[in-house]
Amino acid sequence: AGKDIALANKETLVSAGELIINAVKKYGVKIYPVDSEHSAIFQSL
């Protein structure tokens, strides 16, 4: 539906990572990580 995702649900990428990332690219949305660790990596990049 074209929504950006603030992702705190780990299982989405754990179980369906390949499908989700392909969909993110296809629909041109962004994933902003909410987990403190992934947010830290995101910021360090």
All heavy atoms as atom14 arrays in JSON, in Angstrom:
{
  "sequence": "AGKDIALANKETLVSAGELIINAVKKYGVKIYPVDSEHSAIFQSL",
  "atom14_mask": [
    [1, 1, 1, 1, 1, 0, 0, 0, 0, 0, 0, 0, 0, 0],
    [1, 1, 1, 1, 0, 0, 0, 0, 0, 0, 0, 0, 0, 0],
    [1, 1, 1, 1, 1, 1, 1, 1, 1, 0, 0, 0, 0, 0],
    [1, 1, 1, 1, 1, 1, 1, 1, 0, 0, 0, 0, 0, 0],
    [1, 1, 1, 1, 1, 1, 1, 1, 0, 0, 0, 0, 0, 0],
    [1, 1, 1, 1, 1, 0, 0, 0, 0, 0, 0, 0, 0, 0],
    [1, 1, 1, 1, 1, 1, 1, 1, 0, 0, 0, 0, 0, 0],
    [1, 1, 1, 1, 1, 0, 0, 0, 0, 0, 0, 0, 0, 0],
    [1, 1, 1, 1, 1, 1, 1, 1, 0, 0, 0, 0, 0, 0],
    [1, 1, 1, 1, 1, 1, 1, 1, 1, 0, 0, 0, 0, 0],
    [1, 1, 1, 1, 1, 1, 1, 1, 1, 0, 0, 0, 0, 0],
    [1, 1, 1, 1, 1, 1, 1, 0, 0, 0, 0, 0, 0, 0],
    [1, 1, 1, 1, 1, 1, 1, 1, 0, 0, 0, 0, 0, 0],
    [1, 1, 1, 1, 1, 1, 1, 0, 0, 0, 0, 0, 0, 0],
    [1, 1, 1, 1, 1, 1, 0, 0, 0, 0, 0, 0, 0, 0],
    [1, 1, 1, 1, 1, 0, 0, 0, 0, 0, 0, 0, 0, 0],
    [1, 1, 1, 1, 0, 0, 0, 0, 0, 0, 0, 0, 0, 0],
    [1, 1, 1, 1, 1, 1, 1, 1, 1, 0, 0, 0, 0, 0],
    [1, 1, 1, 1, 1, 1, 1, 1, 0, 0, 0, 0, 0, 0],
    [1, 1, 1, 1, 1, 1, 1, 1, 0, 0, 0, 0, 0, 0],
    [1, 1, 1, 1, 1, 1, 1, 1, 0, 0, 0, 0, 0, 0],
    [1, 1, 1, 1, 1, 1, 1, 1, 0, 0, 0, 0, 0, 0],
    [1, 1, 1, 1, 1, 0, 0, 0, 0, 0, 0, 0, 0, 0],
    [1, 1, 1, 1, 1, 1, 1, 0, 0, 0, 0, 0, 0, 0],
    [1, 1, 1, 1, 1, 1, 1, 1, 1, 0, 0, 0, 0, 0],
    [1, 1, 1, 1, 1, 1, 1, 1, 1, 0, 0, 0, 0, 0],
    [1, 1, 1, 1, 1, 1, 1, 1, 1, 1, 1, 1, 0, 0],
    [1, 1, 1, 1, 0, 0, 0, 0, 0, 0, 0, 0, 0, 0],
    [1, 1, 1, 1, 1, 1, 1, 0, 0, 0, 0, 0, 0, 0],
    [1, 1, 1, 1, 1, 1, 1, 1, 1, 0, 0, 0, 0, 0],
    [1, 1, 1, 1, 1, 1, 1, 1, 0, 0, 0, 0, 0, 0],
    [1, 1, 1, 1, 1, 1, 1, 1, 1, 1, 1, 1, 0, 0],
    [1, 1, 1, 1, 1, 1, 1, 0, 0, 0, 0, 0, 0, 0],
    [1, 1, 1, 1, 1, 1, 1, 0, 0, 0, 0, 0, 0, 0],
    [1, 1, 1, 1, 1, 1, 1, 1, 0, 0, 0, 0, 0, 0],
    [1, 1, 1, 1, 1, 1, 0, 0, 0, 0, 0, 0, 0, 0],
    [1, 1, 1, 1, 1, 1, 1, 1, 1, 0, 0, 0, 0, 0],
    [1, 1, 1, 1, 1, 1, 1, 1, 1, 1, 0, 0, 0, 0],
    [1, 1, 1, 1, 1, 1, 0, 0, 0, 0, 0, 0, 0, 0],
    [1, 1, 1, 1, 1, 0, 0, 0, 0, 0, 0, 0, 0, 0],
    [1, 1, 1, 1, 1, 1, 1, 1, 0, 0, 0, 0, 0, 0],
    [1, 1, 1, 1, 1, 1, 1, 1, 1, 1, 1, 0, 0, 0],
    [1, 1, 1, 1, 1, 1, 1, 1, 1, 0, 0, 0, 0, 0],
    [1, 1, 1, 1, 1, 1, 0, 0, 0, 0, 0, 0, 0, 0],
    [1, 1, 1, 1, 1, 1, 1, 1, 0, 0, 0, 0, 0, 0]
  ],
  "atom14_positions": [
    [[0.83, -1.22, 0.0], [0.0, 0.0, 0.0], [0.86, 1.27, 0.0], [0.34, 2.38, 0.1], [-0.93, 0.0, 1.21], [0.0, 0.0, 0.0], [0.0, 0.0, 0.0], [0.0, 0.0, 0.0], [0.0, 0.0, 0.0], [0.0, 0.0, 0.0], [0.0, 0.0, 0.0], [0.0, 0.0, 0.0], [0.0, 0.0, 0.0], [0.0, 0.0, 0.0]],
    [[2.19, 1.09, -0.1], [3.09, 2.24, -0.21], [3.45, 2.9, 1.1], [3.9, 4.06, 1.12], [0.0, 0.0, 0.0], [0.0, 0.0, 0.0], [0.0, 0.0, 0.0], [0.0, 0.0, 0.0], [0.0, 0.0, 0.0], [0.0, 0.0, 0.0], [0.0, 0.0, 0.0], [0.0, 0.0, 0.0], [0.0, 0.0, 0.0], [0.0, 0.0, 0.0]],
    [[3.28, 2.19, 2.21], [3.6, 2.76, 3.53], [5.06, 2.47, 3.89], [5.56, 1.37, 3.66], [2.71, 2.16, 4.63], [1.24, 2.04, 4.29], [0.57, 3.37, 4.06], [-0.94, 3.19, 3.86], [-1.59, 4.43, 3.45], [0.0, 0.0, 0.0], [0.0, 0.0, 0.0], [0.0, 0.0, 0.0], [0.0, 0.0, 0.0], [0.0, 0.0, 0.0]],
    [[5.74, 3.45, 4.48], [7.04, 3.18, 5.08], [6.82, 2.37, 6.36], [5.76, 2.46, 7.0], [7.77, 4.49, 5.41], [8.26, 5.22, 4.16], [8.46, 4.55, 3.12], [8.42, 6.45, 4.22], [0.0, 0.0, 0.0], [0.0, 0.0, 0.0], [0.0, 0.0, 0.0], [0.0, 0.0, 0.0], [0.0, 0.0, 0.0], [0.0, 0.0, 0.0]],
    [[7.84, 1.59, 6.74], [7.73, 0.69, 7.89], [8.75, 1.08, 8.96], [9.95, 1.15, 8.69], [7.97, -0.78, 7.48], [7.06, -1.2, 6.32], [7.8, -1.7, 8.68], [5.58, -1.2, 6.64], [0.0, 0.0, 0.0], [0.0, 0.0, 0.0], [0.0, 0.0, 0.0], [0.0, 0.0, 0.0], [0.0, 0.0, 0.0], [0.0, 0.0, 0.0]],
    [[8.26, 1.34, 10.18], [9.13, 1.45, 11.35], [9.09, 0.07, 11.99], [8.11, -0.3, 12.65], [8.64, 2.53, 12.31], [0.0, 0.0, 0.0], [0.0, 0.0, 0.0], [0.0, 0.0, 0.0], [0.0, 0.0, 0.0], [0.0, 0.0, 0.0], [0.0, 0.0, 0.0], [0.0, 0.0, 0.0], [0.0, 0.0, 0.0], [0.0, 0.0, 0.0]],
    [[10.13, -0.72, 11.76], [10.08, -2.16, 12.02], [10.55, -2.52, 13.42], [11.72, -2.36, 13.75], [10.92, -2.9, 10.98], [10.88, -4.42, 11.04], [9.5, -4.94, 10.62], [11.95, -5.03, 10.15], [0.0, 0.0, 0.0], [0.0, 0.0, 0.0], [0.0, 0.0, 0.0], [0.0, 0.0, 0.0], [0.0, 0.0, 0.0], [0.0, 0.0, 0.0]],
    [[9.62, -3.04, 14.23], [9.98, -3.58, 15.54], [9.62, -5.05, 15.65], [10.0, -5.71, 16.61], [9.28, -2.8, 16.65], [0.0, 0.0, 0.0], [0.0, 0.0, 0.0], [0.0, 0.0, 0.0], [0.0, 0.0, 0.0], [0.0, 0.0, 0.0], [0.0, 0.0, 0.0], [0.0, 0.0, 0.0], [0.0, 0.0, 0.0], [0.0, 0.0, 0.0]],
    [[8.89, -5.57, 14.65], [8.51, -6.98, 14.65], [9.62, -7.8, 14.01], [9.79, -7.8, 12.8], [7.19, -7.17, 13.89], [6.85, -8.63, 13.65], [6.99, -9.13, 12.55], [6.42, -9.32, 14.68], [0.0, 0.0, 0.0], [0.0, 0.0, 0.0], [0.0, 0.0, 0.0], [0.0, 0.0, 0.0], [0.0, 0.0, 0.0], [0.0, 0.0, 0.0]],
    [[10.42, -8.48, 14.83], [11.58, -9.21, 14.34], [11.21, -10.29, 13.33], [11.89, -10.51, 12.34], [12.31, -9.88, 15.5], [12.94, -8.95, 16.5], [13.64, -9.74, 17.58], [14.05, -8.88, 18.75], [14.86, -7.73, 18.39], [0.0, 0.0, 0.0], [0.0, 0.0, 0.0], [0.0, 0.0, 0.0], [0.0, 0.0, 0.0], [0.0, 0.0, 0.0]],
    [[10.09, -10.96, 13.61], [9.75, -12.15, 12.85], [9.47, -11.86, 11.37], [9.61, -12.73, 10.51], [8.54, -12.85, 13.49], [8.82, -13.45, 14.85], [8.84, -12.45, 16.0], [8.51, -11.27, 15.78], [9.19, -12.85, 17.13], [0.0, 0.0, 0.0], [0.0, 0.0, 0.0], [0.0, 0.0, 0.0], [0.0, 0.0, 0.0], [0.0, 0.0, 0.0]],
    [[9.08, -10.62, 11.07], [8.8, -10.25, 9.68], [10.01, -10.52, 8.79], [9.9, -11.14, 7.74], [8.4, -8.76, 9.59], [7.17, -8.59, 10.28], [8.21, -8.33, 8.15], [0.0, 0.0, 0.0], [0.0, 0.0, 0.0], [0.0, 0.0, 0.0], [0.0, 0.0, 0.0], [0.0, 0.0, 0.0], [0.0, 0.0, 0.0], [0.0, 0.0, 0.0]],
    [[11.18, -10.06, 9.22], [12.38, -10.27, 8.42], [13.02, -11.63, 8.67], [13.66, -12.2, 7.79], [13.42, -9.17, 8.69], [13.12, -7.81, 8.04], [14.25, -6.83, 8.33], [12.92, -7.93, 6.54], [0.0, 0.0, 0.0], [0.0, 0.0, 0.0], [0.0, 0.0, 0.0], [0.0, 0.0, 0.0], [0.0, 0.0, 0.0], [0.0, 0.0, 0.0]],
    [[12.85, -12.17, 9.87], [13.4, -13.49, 10.17], [12.75, -14.55, 9.28], [13.42, -15.35, 8.64], [13.21, -13.85, 11.65], [13.55, -15.32, 11.91], [14.07, -12.96, 12.53], [0.0, 0.0, 0.0], [0.0, 0.0, 0.0], [0.0, 0.0, 0.0], [0.0, 0.0, 0.0], [0.0, 0.0, 0.0], [0.0, 0.0, 0.0], [0.0, 0.0, 0.0]],
    [[11.43, -14.54, 9.21], [10.71, -15.56, 8.46], [10.57, -15.22, 6.99], [10.57, -16.11, 6.14], [9.31, -15.77, 9.07], [9.4, -16.25, 10.38], [0.0, 0.0, 0.0], [0.0, 0.0, 0.0], [0.0, 0.0, 0.0], [0.0, 0.0, 0.0], [0.0, 0.0, 0.0], [0.0, 0.0, 0.0], [0.0, 0.0, 0.0], [0.0, 0.0, 0.0]],
    [[10.41, -13.93, 6.67], [10.05, -13.54, 5.3], [10.99, -12.49, 4.73], [10.6, -11.71, 3.87], [8.61, -13.04, 5.29], [0.0, 0.0, 0.0], [0.0, 0.0, 0.0], [0.0, 0.0, 0.0], [0.0, 0.0, 0.0], [0.0, 0.0, 0.0], [0.0, 0.0, 0.0], [0.0, 0.0, 0.0], [0.0, 0.0, 0.0], [0.0, 0.0, 0.0]],
    [[12.25, -12.49, 5.2], [13.19, -11.44, 4.82], [13.32, -11.22, 3.32], [13.23, -10.09, 2.84], [0.0, 0.0, 0.0], [0.0, 0.0, 0.0], [0.0, 0.0, 0.0], [0.0, 0.0, 0.0], [0.0, 0.0, 0.0], [0.0, 0.0, 0.0], [0.0, 0.0, 0.0], [0.0, 0.0, 0.0], [0.0, 0.0, 0.0], [0.0, 0.0, 0.0]],
    [[13.52, -12.31, 2.58], [13.72, -12.18, 1.14], [12.5, -11.59, 0.46], [12.6, -10.67, -0.37], [14.04, -13.56, 0.54], [14.43, -13.51, -0.92], [14.85, -14.87, -1.45], [14.64, -15.89, -0.77], [15.41, -14.9, -2.56], [0.0, 0.0, 0.0], [0.0, 0.0, 0.0], [0.0, 0.0, 0.0], [0.0, 0.0, 0.0], [0.0, 0.0, 0.0]],
    [[11.3, -12.08, 0.82], [10.07, -11.58, 0.21], [9.82, -10.12, 0.59], [9.39, -9.32, -0.24], [8.88, -12.44, 0.65], [8.9, -13.92, 0.24], [7.65, -14.62, 0.75], [9.01, -14.07, -1.27], [0.0, 0.0, 0.0], [0.0, 0.0, 0.0], [0.0, 0.0, 0.0], [0.0, 0.0, 0.0], [0.0, 0.0, 0.0], [0.0, 0.0, 0.0]],
    [[10.08, -9.78, 1.85], [9.84, -8.41, 2.32], [10.79, -7.43, 1.64], [10.36, -6.37, 1.15], [10.0, -8.33, 3.86], [8.85, -9.09, 4.56], [10.05, -6.88, 4.33], [7.48, -8.48, 4.45], [0.0, 0.0, 0.0], [0.0, 0.0, 0.0], [0.0, 0.0, 0.0], [0.0, 0.0, 0.0], [0.0, 0.0, 0.0], [0.0, 0.0, 0.0]],
    [[12.07, -7.75, 1.57], [13.05, -6.84, 0.96], [12.75, -6.67, -0.53], [12.85, -5.55, -1.07], [14.49, -7.34, 1.19], [14.83, -7.29, 2.68], [15.48, -6.51, 0.38], [14.7, -5.92, 3.33], [0.0, 0.0, 0.0], [0.0, 0.0, 0.0], [0.0, 0.0, 0.0], [0.0, 0.0, 0.0], [0.0, 0.0, 0.0], [0.0, 0.0, 0.0]],
    [[12.37, -7.74, -1.2], [11.98, -7.62, -2.62], [10.77, -6.71, -2.78], [10.7, -5.9, -3.71], [11.68, -9.0, -3.21], [12.94, -9.83, -3.42], [14.04, -9.28, -3.45], [12.79, -11.13, -3.56], [0.0, 0.0, 0.0], [0.0, 0.0, 0.0], [0.0, 0.0, 0.0], [0.0, 0.0, 0.0], [0.0, 0.0, 0.0], [0.0, 0.0, 0.0]],
    [[9.81, -6.83, -1.86], [8.6, -5.98, -1.92], [8.95, -4.52, -1.64], [8.41, -3.61, -2.29], [7.56, -6.47, -0.91], [0.0, 0.0, 0.0], [0.0, 0.0, 0.0], [0.0, 0.0, 0.0], [0.0, 0.0, 0.0], [0.0, 0.0, 0.0], [0.0, 0.0, 0.0], [0.0, 0.0, 0.0], [0.0, 0.0, 0.0], [0.0, 0.0, 0.0]],
    [[9.85, -4.28, -0.7], [10.3, -2.91, -0.38], [10.88, -2.25, -1.63], [10.59, -1.09, -1.94], [11.33, -2.94, 0.77], [12.11, -1.64, 0.86], [10.63, -3.22, 2.1], [0.0, 0.0, 0.0], [0.0, 0.0, 0.0], [0.0, 0.0, 0.0], [0.0, 0.0, 0.0], [0.0, 0.0, 0.0], [0.0, 0.0, 0.0], [0.0, 0.0, 0.0]],
    [[11.71, -2.99, -2.36], [12.31, -2.47, -3.59], [11.24, -2.24, -4.67], [11.23, -1.21, -5.34], [13.37, -3.44, -4.11], [14.61, -3.52, -3.22], [15.56, -4.6, -3.7], [16.76, -4.73, -2.77], [17.62, -5.89, -3.12], [0.0, 0.0, 0.0], [0.0, 0.0, 0.0], [0.0, 0.0, 0.0], [0.0, 0.0, 0.0], [0.0, 0.0, 0.0]],
    [[10.33, -3.19, -4.79], [9.29, -3.11, -5.82], [8.37, -1.91, -5.61], [8.02, -1.21, -6.56], [8.48, -4.41, -5.83], [7.35, -4.42, -6.87], [6.61, -5.75, -6.87], [5.46, -5.74, -7.88], [4.73, -7.03, -7.88], [0.0, 0.0, 0.0], [0.0, 0.0, 0.0], [0.0, 0.0, 0.0], [0.0, 0.0, 0.0], [0.0, 0.0, 0.0]],
    [[7.98, -1.66, -4.36], [6.99, -0.62, -4.08], [7.63, 0.71, -3.64], [6.91, 1.67, -3.36], [5.98, -1.11, -3.04], [5.13, -2.25, -3.57], [5.43, -3.58, -3.25], [4.06, -2.01, -4.43], [4.68, -4.63, -3.75], [3.3, -3.06, -4.94], [3.62, -4.36, -4.6], [2.87, -5.4, -5.12], [0.0, 0.0, 0.0], [0.0, 0.0, 0.0]],
    [[8.97, 0.74, -3.59], [9.67, 2.0, -3.33], [9.44, 2.61, -1.96], [9.38, 3.82, -1.81], [0.0, 0.0, 0.0], [0.0, 0.0, 0.0], [0.0, 0.0, 0.0], [0.0, 0.0, 0.0], [0.0, 0.0, 0.0], [0.0, 0.0, 0.0], [0.0, 0.0, 0.0], [0.0, 0.0, 0.0], [0.0, 0.0, 0.0], [0.0, 0.0, 0.0]],
    [[9.31, 1.75, -0.94], [9.13, 2.26, 0.42], [10.42, 2.09, 1.21], [11.39, 1.5, 0.74], [7.96, 1.53, 1.13], [6.66, 1.71, 0.35], [8.26, 0.05, 1.33], [0.0, 0.0, 0.0], [0.0, 0.0, 0.0], [0.0, 0.0, 0.0], [0.0, 0.0, 0.0], [0.0, 0.0, 0.0], [0.0, 0.0, 0.0], [0.0, 0.0, 0.0]],
    [[10.43, 2.6, 2.43], [11.61, 2.53, 3.3], [11.29, 1.7, 4.54], [10.16, 1.7, 5.03], [12.02, 3.93, 3.76], [12.3, 4.91, 2.63], [13.68, 4.7, 2.07], [14.05, 5.84, 1.14], [14.62, 5.38, -0.12], [0.0, 0.0, 0.0], [0.0, 0.0, 0.0], [0.0, 0.0, 0.0], [0.0, 0.0, 0.0], [0.0, 0.0, 0.0]],
    [[12.31, 1.01, 5.03], [12.22, 0.36, 6.34], [13.14, 1.1, 7.29], [14.34, 1.25, 7.02], [12.61, -1.13, 6.3], [11.61, -1.94, 5.5], [12.72, -1.69, 7.72], [11.87, -3.44, 5.5], [0.0, 0.0, 0.0], [0.0, 0.0, 0.0], [0.0, 0.0, 0.0], [0.0, 0.0, 0.0], [0.0, 0.0, 0.0], [0.0, 0.0, 0.0]],
    [[12.58, 1.6, 8.39], [13.37, 2.26, 9.43], [13.4, 1.33, 10.64], [12.37, 1.07, 11.25], [12.75, 3.61, 9.8], [12.71, 4.56, 8.63], [11.48, 4.94, 8.07], [13.87, 5.07, 8.06], [11.43, 5.81, 6.98], [13.83, 5.94, 6.97], [12.61, 6.3, 6.44], [12.56, 7.15, 5.36], [0.0, 0.0, 0.0], [0.0, 0.0, 0.0]],
    [[14.57, 0.79, 10.98], [14.64, -0.18, 12.09], [14.39, 0.47, 13.44], [14.9, 1.56, 13.73], [16.06, -0.74, 11.99], [16.84, 0.27, 11.23], [15.89, 1.0, 10.35], [0.0, 0.0, 0.0], [0.0, 0.0, 0.0], [0.0, 0.0, 0.0], [0.0, 0.0, 0.0], [0.0, 0.0, 0.0], [0.0, 0.0, 0.0], [0.0, 0.0, 0.0]],
    [[13.61, -0.2, 14.27], [13.29, 0.28, 15.61], [14.12, -0.43, 16.68], [14.45, 0.16, 17.7], [11.78, 0.14, 15.89], [11.46, 0.32, 17.37], [10.99, 1.15, 15.06], [0.0, 0.0, 0.0], [0.0, 0.0, 0.0], [0.0, 0.0, 0.0], [0.0, 0.0, 0.0], [0.0, 0.0, 0.0], [0.0, 0.0, 0.0], [0.0, 0.0, 0.0]],
    [[14.48, -1.7, 16.45], [15.38, -2.37, 17.39], [16.58, -1.48, 17.68], [17.15, -0.9, 16.75], [15.89, -3.68, 16.76], [15.17, -4.9, 17.29], [14.4, -4.75, 18.25], [15.37, -5.99, 16.74], [0.0, 0.0, 0.0], [0.0, 0.0, 0.0], [0.0, 0.0, 0.0], [0.0, 0.0, 0.0], [0.0, 0.0, 0.0], [0.0, 0.0, 0.0]],
    [[16.99, -1.39, 18.93], [18.1, -0.5, 19.27], [19.37, -0.87, 18.51], [20.13, 0.0, 18.06], [18.36, -0.52, 20.78], [18.72, -1.81, 21.21], [0.0, 0.0, 0.0], [0.0, 0.0, 0.0], [0.0, 0.0, 0.0], [0.0, 0.0, 0.0], [0.0, 0.0, 0.0], [0.0, 0.0, 0.0], [0.0, 0.0, 0.0], [0.0, 0.0, 0.0]],
    [[19.6, -2.19, 18.33], [20.82, -2.64, 17.64], [20.78, -2.27, 16.16], [21.76, -1.75, 15.61], [20.99, -4.16, 17.8], [21.23, -4.61, 19.21], [19.96, -4.77, 20.04], [18.86, -4.47, 19.51], [20.06, -5.2, 21.2], [0.0, 0.0, 0.0], [0.0, 0.0, 0.0], [0.0, 0.0, 0.0], [0.0, 0.0, 0.0], [0.0, 0.0, 0.0]],
    [[19.66, -2.51, 15.51], [19.58, -2.21, 14.08], [19.52, -0.71, 13.82], [20.04, -0.22, 12.82], [18.38, -2.93, 13.46], [18.49, -4.41, 13.56], [17.63, -5.17, 14.31], [19.4, -5.27, 13.04], [18.0, -6.44, 14.24], [19.07, -6.53, 13.49], [0.0, 0.0, 0.0], [0.0, 0.0, 0.0], [0.0, 0.0, 0.0], [0.0, 0.0, 0.0]],
    [[18.9, 0.02, 14.74], [18.91, 1.48, 14.64], [20.35, 1.98, 14.75], [20.76, 2.89, 14.01], [18.05, 2.1, 15.74], [18.11, 3.52, 15.68], [0.0, 0.0, 0.0], [0.0, 0.0, 0.0], [0.0, 0.0, 0.0], [0.0, 0.0, 0.0], [0.0, 0.0, 0.0], [0.0, 0.0, 0.0], [0.0, 0.0, 0.0], [0.0, 0.0, 0.0]],
    [[21.13, 1.38, 15.65], [22.53, 1.77, 15.83], [23.34, 1.51, 14.56], [24.14, 2.35, 14.13], [23.14, 1.02, 17.0], [0.0, 0.0, 0.0], [0.0, 0.0, 0.0], [0.0, 0.0, 0.0], [0.0, 0.0, 0.0], [0.0, 0.0, 0.0], [0.0, 0.0, 0.0], [0.0, 0.0, 0.0], [0.0, 0.0, 0.0], [0.0, 0.0, 0.0]],
    [[23.12, 0.36, 13.94], [23.81, 0.04, 12.68], [23.38, 1.01, 11.59], [24.22, 1.55, 10.85], [23.52, -1.42, 12.26], [24.07, -2.4, 13.3], [24.1, -1.72, 10.87], [23.48, -3.79, 13.21], [0.0, 0.0, 0.0], [0.0, 0.0, 0.0], [0.0, 0.0, 0.0], [0.0, 0.0, 0.0], [0.0, 0.0, 0.0], [0.0, 0.0, 0.0]],
    [[22.09, 1.24, 11.5], [21.52, 2.19, 10.53], [22.17, 3.57, 10.67], [22.58, 4.19, 9.69], [20.0, 2.27, 10.76], [19.26, 3.17, 9.83], [19.09, 2.85, 8.49], [18.7, 4.35, 10.29], [18.38, 3.69, 7.63], [17.99, 5.2, 9.45], [17.83, 4.86, 8.1], [0.0, 0.0, 0.0], [0.0, 0.0, 0.0], [0.0, 0.0, 0.0]],
    [[22.31, 4.01, 11.92], [22.92, 5.32, 12.17], [24.42, 5.31, 11.87], [24.98, 6.29, 11.36], [22.67, 5.75, 13.62], [21.2, 6.03, 13.9], [20.94, 6.38, 15.36], [21.45, 7.38, 15.85], [20.17, 5.56, 16.05], [0.0, 0.0, 0.0], [0.0, 0.0, 0.0], [0.0, 0.0, 0.0], [0.0, 0.0, 0.0], [0.0, 0.0, 0.0]],
    [[25.08, 4.19, 12.15], [26.53, 4.09, 11.91], [26.87, 4.0, 10.43], [28.03, 4.2, 10.04], [27.1, 2.87, 12.65], [26.92, 3.0, 14.04], [0.0, 0.0, 0.0], [0.0, 0.0, 0.0], [0.0, 0.0, 0.0], [0.0, 0.0, 0.0], [0.0, 0.0, 0.0], [0.0, 0.0, 0.0], [0.0, 0.0, 0.0], [0.0, 0.0, 0.0]],
    [[25.88, 3.7, 9.61], [26.09, 3.61, 8.16], [25.86, 4.95, 7.45], [26.24, 5.11, 6.28], [25.13, 2.57, 7.55], [25.44, 1.1, 7.86], [24.26, 0.22, 7.45], [26.71, 0.66, 7.14], [0.0, 0.0, 0.0], [0.0, 0.0, 0.0], [0.0, 0.0, 0.0], [0.0, 0.0, 0.0], [0.0, 0.0, 0.0], [0.0, 0.0, 0.0]]
  ]
}
